[in-house]
Every structure is written in C-alpha cells, then in structure tokens.
Amino acid sequence: MNPWISVKECRPPENEEVETKIDDQRGIRNVTTLKLHNNLWWFPDMSMYIYYCPTHWRKLTSAAPKEPGTS
C-alpha cells in the first residue's frame, strides 16, 4: 500500500483521484477519495466540493481483479 503524504509537504496532482484523510491531535477521520481542483477538494465525480482540507493523501492502489463467481 502507498504511504501517506502530508498535504503541507506535497500536494497531489490536480484532477487525480487520491485517497485522503485528516490525521491530527483528534485522531484519524474523514478517510475517503477526493480530487484536488483549483485549490478545492472535490468528490471524485466533481458533484460537490468539501468544506474541510485533508491533512494527508496517497495514490490509489489498483485492486486485484476479482475471479468470476466471487463477490
């Protein structure tokens, strides 16, 4: 799995869906995938931006393909 990167140290590529989280003195929360576009964090489908700024992000890893007949 890819390591978490601090948003303060390095921002993710524009318009690329990445996994994000808030990880601070209050703990880990808001783990989800988002896109950074024009300085705002958006849902991957670009339907709405969020009202918080993640502290960390990482590139998505491709899941192993499922075998037919498995769920």
N, C-alpha and C. Protein backbone atom coordinates (compact mmCIF):
# COMPACT_ATOMS: atom_id res chain seq x y z
N MET A 1 0.84 -1.18 0.00
CA MET A 1 0.00 0.00 0.00
C MET A 1 0.89 1.25 0.00
N ASN A 2 0.44 2.28 -0.65
CA ASN A 2 1.21 3.51 -0.76
C ASN A 2 1.27 4.26 0.57
N PRO A 3 2.38 4.93 0.86
CA PRO A 3 2.49 5.68 2.12
C PRO A 3 1.68 6.98 2.06
N TRP A 4 1.23 7.44 3.21
CA TRP A 4 0.52 8.72 3.32
C TRP A 4 1.51 9.87 3.16
N ILE A 5 1.08 10.93 2.49
CA ILE A 5 1.91 12.12 2.25
C ILE A 5 1.21 13.31 2.87
N SER A 6 1.94 14.12 3.61
CA SER A 6 1.37 15.32 4.21
C SER A 6 1.05 16.34 3.13
N VAL A 7 -0.15 16.91 3.19
CA VAL A 7 -0.56 17.94 2.22
C VAL A 7 0.34 19.17 2.36
N LYS A 8 0.84 19.43 3.58
CA LYS A 8 1.74 20.57 3.80
C LYS A 8 3.07 20.38 3.06
N GLU A 9 3.51 19.14 2.92
CA GLU A 9 4.78 18.85 2.26
C GLU A 9 4.65 18.75 0.74
N CYS A 10 3.55 18.18 0.28
CA CYS A 10 3.37 17.95 -1.15
C CYS A 10 1.89 17.80 -1.46
N ARG A 11 1.42 18.56 -2.43
CA ARG A 11 0.02 18.46 -2.82
C ARG A 11 -0.12 17.40 -3.91
N PRO A 12 -1.27 16.76 -3.99
CA PRO A 12 -1.45 15.74 -5.03
C PRO A 12 -1.60 16.38 -6.41
N PRO A 13 -1.45 15.60 -7.45
CA PRO A 13 -1.65 16.13 -8.81
C PRO A 13 -3.09 16.63 -8.99
N GLU A 14 -3.24 17.73 -9.71
CA GLU A 14 -4.57 18.28 -9.99
C GLU A 14 -5.43 17.25 -10.72
N ASN A 15 -6.68 17.20 -10.34
CA ASN A 15 -7.71 16.38 -11.02
C ASN A 15 -7.45 14.88 -10.98
N GLU A 16 -6.60 14.42 -10.08
CA GLU A 16 -6.36 12.98 -9.93
C GLU A 16 -7.03 12.50 -8.65
N GLU A 17 -7.83 11.46 -8.75
CA GLU A 17 -8.49 10.92 -7.57
C GLU A 17 -7.45 10.26 -6.67
N VAL A 18 -7.43 10.67 -5.40
CA VAL A 18 -6.49 10.13 -4.42
C VAL A 18 -7.24 9.82 -3.13
N GLU A 19 -6.67 8.96 -2.32
CA GLU A 19 -7.24 8.68 -1.01
C GLU A 19 -6.78 9.78 -0.05
N THR A 20 -7.69 10.26 0.79
CA THR A 20 -7.36 11.35 1.70
C THR A 20 -7.83 11.02 3.11
N LYS A 21 -7.29 11.77 4.07
CA LYS A 21 -7.72 11.63 5.46
C LYS A 21 -7.33 12.88 6.24
N ILE A 22 -7.96 13.05 7.38
CA ILE A 22 -7.50 14.02 8.37
C ILE A 22 -6.86 13.19 9.47
N ASP A 23 -5.64 13.52 9.84
CA ASP A 23 -4.90 12.83 10.90
C ASP A 23 -4.21 13.89 11.74
N ASP A 24 -4.82 14.23 12.88
CA ASP A 24 -4.27 15.27 13.74
C ASP A 24 -4.42 14.87 15.21
N GLN A 25 -4.32 15.83 16.10
CA GLN A 25 -4.38 15.54 17.53
C GLN A 25 -5.71 14.91 17.94
N ARG A 26 -6.76 15.07 17.14
CA ARG A 26 -8.06 14.47 17.44
C ARG A 26 -8.21 13.07 16.85
N GLY A 27 -7.19 12.59 16.14
CA GLY A 27 -7.22 11.24 15.58
C GLY A 27 -7.41 11.23 14.08
N ILE A 28 -7.65 10.03 13.55
CA ILE A 28 -7.85 9.84 12.12
C ILE A 28 -9.35 9.85 11.83
N ARG A 29 -9.73 10.60 10.79
CA ARG A 29 -11.13 10.67 10.39
C ARG A 29 -11.24 11.13 8.95
N ASN A 30 -12.45 11.09 8.41
CA ASN A 30 -12.75 11.55 7.05
C ASN A 30 -11.88 10.86 6.00
N VAL A 31 -11.70 9.56 6.12
CA VAL A 31 -10.93 8.80 5.13
C VAL A 31 -11.83 8.55 3.92
N THR A 32 -11.45 9.08 2.77
CA THR A 32 -12.25 8.96 1.55
C THR A 32 -11.40 9.29 0.34
N THR A 33 -11.95 9.11 -0.85
CA THR A 33 -11.24 9.52 -2.06
C THR A 33 -11.78 10.86 -2.53
N LEU A 34 -10.88 11.74 -2.97
CA LEU A 34 -11.21 13.08 -3.42
C LEU A 34 -10.30 13.47 -4.57
N LYS A 35 -10.64 14.59 -5.22
CA LYS A 35 -9.79 15.20 -6.25
C LYS A 35 -9.51 16.64 -5.84
N LEU A 36 -8.29 17.09 -6.07
CA LEU A 36 -7.93 18.49 -5.86
C LEU A 36 -8.06 19.21 -7.20
N HIS A 37 -8.88 20.28 -7.21
CA HIS A 37 -9.10 21.03 -8.44
C HIS A 37 -9.26 22.51 -8.08
N ASN A 38 -8.42 23.36 -8.66
CA ASN A 38 -8.46 24.80 -8.40
C ASN A 38 -8.48 25.14 -6.91
N ASN A 39 -7.64 24.49 -6.17
CA ASN A 39 -7.44 24.75 -4.74
C ASN A 39 -8.60 24.29 -3.85
N LEU A 40 -9.54 23.52 -4.40
CA LEU A 40 -10.63 22.95 -3.62
C LEU A 40 -10.60 21.43 -3.75
N TRP A 41 -11.02 20.74 -2.70
CA TRP A 41 -11.13 19.29 -2.72
C TRP A 41 -12.55 18.92 -3.12
N TRP A 42 -12.68 18.05 -4.12
CA TRP A 42 -13.96 17.67 -4.69
C TRP A 42 -14.20 16.17 -4.55
N PHE A 43 -15.50 15.78 -4.54
CA PHE A 43 -15.83 14.37 -4.69
C PHE A 43 -15.32 13.91 -6.05
N PRO A 44 -14.99 12.63 -6.22
CA PRO A 44 -14.43 12.17 -7.50
C PRO A 44 -15.30 12.47 -8.71
N ASP A 45 -16.62 12.52 -8.56
CA ASP A 45 -17.48 12.82 -9.70
C ASP A 45 -17.66 14.32 -9.92
N MET A 46 -16.95 15.13 -9.13
CA MET A 46 -16.98 16.59 -9.23
C MET A 46 -18.36 17.18 -8.95
N SER A 47 -19.21 16.45 -8.23
CA SER A 47 -20.56 16.93 -7.94
C SER A 47 -20.58 17.99 -6.85
N MET A 48 -19.58 17.99 -5.95
CA MET A 48 -19.57 18.95 -4.86
C MET A 48 -18.17 19.00 -4.24
N TYR A 49 -17.79 20.19 -3.77
CA TYR A 49 -16.52 20.27 -3.05
C TYR A 49 -16.79 20.13 -1.57
N ILE A 50 -15.75 19.82 -0.82
CA ILE A 50 -15.89 19.59 0.61
C ILE A 50 -15.47 20.83 1.39
N TYR A 51 -15.94 20.92 2.62
CA TYR A 51 -15.71 22.09 3.46
C TYR A 51 -14.60 21.89 4.49
N TYR A 52 -13.68 20.98 4.21
CA TYR A 52 -12.53 20.79 5.07
C TYR A 52 -11.32 20.52 4.18
N CYS A 53 -10.16 20.60 4.76
CA CYS A 53 -8.95 20.30 4.00
C CYS A 53 -8.28 19.07 4.60
N PRO A 54 -8.11 18.02 3.82
CA PRO A 54 -7.41 16.84 4.35
C PRO A 54 -5.97 17.19 4.75
N THR A 55 -5.45 16.45 5.70
CA THR A 55 -4.06 16.66 6.12
C THR A 55 -3.11 15.74 5.37
N HIS A 56 -3.61 14.62 4.85
CA HIS A 56 -2.77 13.63 4.18
C HIS A 56 -3.48 13.07 2.96
N TRP A 57 -2.68 12.57 2.02
CA TRP A 57 -3.21 11.93 0.83
C TRP A 57 -2.24 10.84 0.38
N ARG A 58 -2.74 9.93 -0.46
CA ARG A 58 -1.88 8.93 -1.09
C ARG A 58 -2.53 8.47 -2.38
N LYS A 59 -1.70 8.00 -3.29
CA LYS A 59 -2.20 7.50 -4.58
C LYS A 59 -3.03 6.24 -4.32
N LEU A 60 -4.04 6.08 -5.15
CA LEU A 60 -4.87 4.88 -5.06
C LEU A 60 -4.10 3.69 -5.58
N THR A 61 -4.29 2.56 -4.95
CA THR A 61 -3.68 1.33 -5.44
C THR A 61 -4.75 0.57 -6.21
N SER A 62 -4.36 -0.05 -7.28
CA SER A 62 -5.34 -0.81 -8.05
C SER A 62 -5.62 -2.12 -7.34
N ALA A 63 -6.88 -2.42 -7.19
CA ALA A 63 -7.27 -3.66 -6.52
C ALA A 63 -7.03 -4.84 -7.45
N ALA A 64 -6.74 -5.97 -6.86
CA ALA A 64 -6.55 -7.17 -7.66
C ALA A 64 -7.88 -7.54 -8.32
N PRO A 65 -7.84 -7.96 -9.57
CA PRO A 65 -9.10 -8.31 -10.24
C PRO A 65 -9.78 -9.48 -9.55
N LYS A 66 -11.10 -9.42 -9.46
CA LYS A 66 -11.87 -10.50 -8.82
C LYS A 66 -12.06 -11.63 -9.81
N GLU A 67 -12.07 -12.83 -9.26
CA GLU A 67 -12.32 -14.01 -10.09
C GLU A 67 -13.82 -14.12 -10.34
N PRO A 68 -14.20 -14.61 -11.51
CA PRO A 68 -15.63 -14.77 -11.78
C PRO A 68 -16.30 -15.65 -10.73
N GLY A 69 -17.50 -15.25 -10.33
CA GLY A 69 -18.26 -16.04 -9.35
C GLY A 69 -17.95 -15.70 -7.91
N THR A 70 -17.05 -14.73 -7.67
CA THR A 70 -16.75 -14.31 -6.29
C THR A 70 -17.34 -12.94 -6.07
N SER A 71 -17.63 -12.63 -4.81
CA SER A 71 -18.19 -11.31 -4.51
C SER A 71 -17.26 -10.49 -3.67
